Amino acid sequence: MKLKTLILAAALLGAAPVANADSLYDDLGGLDNITRFTNRLVDRTFADPRTAHQFKQTKKDRLARLLVDQICEATGGPCRYKGVNMKKSHIKLGITEAEFNALVEQLQQAMSEADVPFHTQNRLLAILAPMKRDIVER
């Protein structure tokens, strides 16, 4: 019985540092790279006719800062997102599934340009995907 307990304790203690060292925040390249691809995402979003019309009343720099904080916090980084929740910030905008998908495509392109590996991109998208239900209205 003691041997099983020791093996389990050793396994748990050995696994803890690996889990911490393997944070998505770090895999994305930390704050500098998150800022880089987020700024590129915002540039793409404002320029793409599929999404630009949704951002006519949006301050580009403020949006970029909020997105950086949101992604940083969601991936285990030190930032704290202080914006409103997704449902409240997107209510009555009439965002379509096509517009949402275009933004996801823009995010993937921005991450690729920032040399974020495909499997790391997918890990971030998996965290962000549940927000779709609070953003898409039609």
Protein backbone atom coordinates (compact mmCIF):
# COMPACT_ATOMS: atom_id res chain seq x y z
CA MET A 1 0.00 0.00 0.00
CA LYS A 2 2.81 2.41 0.86
CA LEU A 3 4.53 1.71 -2.45
CA LYS A 4 1.38 2.64 -4.40
CA THR A 5 1.08 5.85 -2.41
CA LEU A 6 4.72 6.74 -3.04
CA ILE A 7 4.38 6.03 -6.76
CA LEU A 8 1.22 8.15 -6.97
CA ALA A 9 2.84 10.99 -5.00
CA ALA A 10 5.94 10.88 -7.19
CA ALA A 11 3.81 10.91 -10.33
CA LEU A 12 1.77 13.87 -9.12
CA LEU A 13 4.81 15.83 -8.00
CA GLY A 14 6.61 15.05 -11.22
CA ALA A 15 3.64 16.11 -13.35
CA ALA A 16 3.04 19.48 -11.70
CA PRO A 17 6.07 21.34 -13.11
CA VAL A 18 5.39 20.00 -16.60
CA ALA A 19 1.82 21.30 -16.52
CA ASN A 20 3.00 24.77 -15.42
CA ALA A 21 5.79 24.92 -17.97
CA ASP A 22 3.40 23.96 -20.75
CA SER A 23 0.96 26.87 -20.46
CA LEU A 24 -0.82 27.99 -23.58
CA TYR A 25 0.27 31.55 -22.79
CA ASP A 26 3.90 30.48 -23.10
CA ASP A 27 3.22 28.37 -26.18
CA LEU A 28 1.64 31.40 -27.88
CA GLY A 29 4.88 33.30 -27.30
CA GLY A 30 3.90 35.28 -24.23
CA LEU A 31 2.60 38.82 -24.13
CA ASP A 32 4.78 40.13 -26.96
CA ASN A 33 3.55 37.59 -29.50
CA ILE A 34 -0.06 37.72 -28.27
CA THR A 35 0.07 41.49 -28.75
CA ARG A 36 1.64 41.04 -32.20
CA PHE A 37 -1.01 38.66 -33.55
CA THR A 38 -3.87 40.48 -31.83
CA ASN A 39 -2.88 43.80 -33.39
CA ARG A 40 -2.68 42.06 -36.77
CA LEU A 41 -6.11 40.50 -36.15
CA VAL A 42 -7.61 43.92 -35.42
CA ASP A 43 -6.00 45.38 -38.55
CA ARG A 44 -7.42 42.53 -40.64
CA THR A 45 -10.86 42.83 -39.05
CA PHE A 46 -11.09 46.56 -39.73
CA ALA A 47 -9.92 46.10 -43.34
CA ASP A 48 -11.97 43.05 -44.33
CA PRO A 49 -15.36 43.98 -45.87
CA ARG A 50 -16.86 40.85 -44.29
CA THR A 51 -16.29 42.28 -40.80
CA ALA A 52 -15.33 45.98 -41.07
CA HIS A 53 -18.91 47.25 -40.93
CA GLN A 54 -19.33 45.76 -37.44
CA PHE A 55 -16.47 47.91 -36.13
CA LYS A 56 -17.41 51.37 -37.46
CA GLN A 57 -18.07 52.69 -33.94
CA THR A 58 -15.15 50.84 -32.32
CA LYS A 59 -11.89 52.39 -31.15
CA LYS A 60 -9.22 50.22 -32.72
CA ASP A 61 -6.57 50.66 -30.00
CA ARG A 62 -9.02 50.00 -27.18
CA LEU A 63 -10.31 46.86 -28.87
CA ALA A 64 -6.77 45.57 -29.38
CA ARG A 65 -5.89 46.17 -25.70
CA LEU A 66 -9.03 44.39 -24.50
CA LEU A 67 -8.42 41.42 -26.79
CA VAL A 68 -4.80 41.13 -25.68
CA ASP A 69 -5.89 41.11 -22.03
CA GLN A 70 -8.66 38.62 -22.73
CA ILE A 71 -6.41 36.18 -24.62
CA CYS A 72 -3.57 36.62 -22.14
CA GLU A 73 -5.80 35.86 -19.15
CA ALA A 74 -7.66 33.00 -20.85
CA THR A 75 -4.38 31.24 -21.66
CA GLY A 76 -2.82 31.45 -18.21
CA GLY A 77 -0.93 34.72 -18.56
CA PRO A 78 -0.63 37.51 -15.99
CA CYS A 79 -3.12 39.91 -17.63
CA ARG A 80 -6.61 40.63 -16.33
CA TYR A 81 -9.48 41.27 -18.74
CA LYS A 82 -11.56 44.22 -17.50
CA GLY A 83 -14.03 44.54 -20.36
CA VAL A 84 -17.68 43.57 -20.31
CA ASN A 85 -18.72 39.99 -20.99
CA MET A 86 -19.19 38.81 -24.56
CA LYS A 87 -22.97 38.64 -24.44
CA LYS A 88 -23.32 42.20 -23.18
CA SER A 89 -20.72 43.65 -25.55
CA HIS A 90 -22.27 42.03 -28.64
CA ILE A 91 -25.98 42.36 -27.87
CA LYS A 92 -28.08 43.76 -30.70
CA LEU A 93 -25.16 43.87 -33.15
CA GLY A 94 -26.78 41.18 -35.27
CA ILE A 95 -23.51 39.36 -35.83
CA THR A 96 -23.96 36.48 -38.25
CA GLU A 97 -22.26 33.12 -38.26
CA ALA A 98 -20.48 34.13 -41.49
CA GLU A 99 -19.06 37.26 -39.81
CA PHE A 100 -17.96 35.23 -36.80
CA ASN A 101 -16.29 32.66 -39.05
CA ALA A 102 -14.52 35.43 -40.97
CA LEU A 103 -13.08 36.77 -37.71
CA VAL A 104 -11.89 33.29 -36.72
CA GLU A 105 -10.21 33.00 -40.13
CA GLN A 106 -8.57 36.40 -39.60
CA LEU A 107 -7.32 35.26 -36.17
CA GLN A 108 -5.85 32.09 -37.64
CA GLN A 109 -4.09 34.09 -40.37
CA ALA A 110 -2.71 36.54 -37.80
CA MET A 111 -1.44 33.71 -35.61
CA SER A 112 0.18 32.00 -38.60
CA GLU A 113 1.95 35.25 -39.49
CA ALA A 114 3.23 35.37 -35.89
CA ASP A 115 4.59 31.81 -36.24
CA VAL A 116 2.12 30.24 -33.81
CA PRO A 117 2.07 26.49 -34.56
CA PHE A 118 -1.19 25.10 -35.90
CA HIS A 119 -1.81 22.83 -32.88
CA THR A 120 -1.29 25.81 -30.54
CA GLN A 121 -3.74 27.86 -32.60
CA ASN A 122 -6.29 25.08 -32.16
CA ARG A 123 -5.78 25.10 -28.39
CA LEU A 124 -6.58 28.82 -28.29
CA LEU A 125 -9.57 28.42 -30.60
CA ALA A 126 -10.92 25.68 -28.31
CA ILE A 127 -10.86 28.14 -25.40
CA LEU A 128 -12.50 30.92 -27.42
CA ALA A 129 -15.09 28.75 -29.22
CA PRO A 130 -17.70 28.72 -26.42
CA MET A 131 -17.97 32.52 -26.76
CA LYS A 132 -19.67 32.01 -30.12
CA ARG A 133 -23.06 31.46 -28.49
CA ASP A 134 -22.77 34.88 -26.81
CA ILE A 135 -21.64 36.67 -29.97
CA VAL A 136 -23.63 35.26 -32.91
CA GLU A 137 -27.24 36.43 -33.04
CA ARG A 138 -28.34 35.21 -36.46
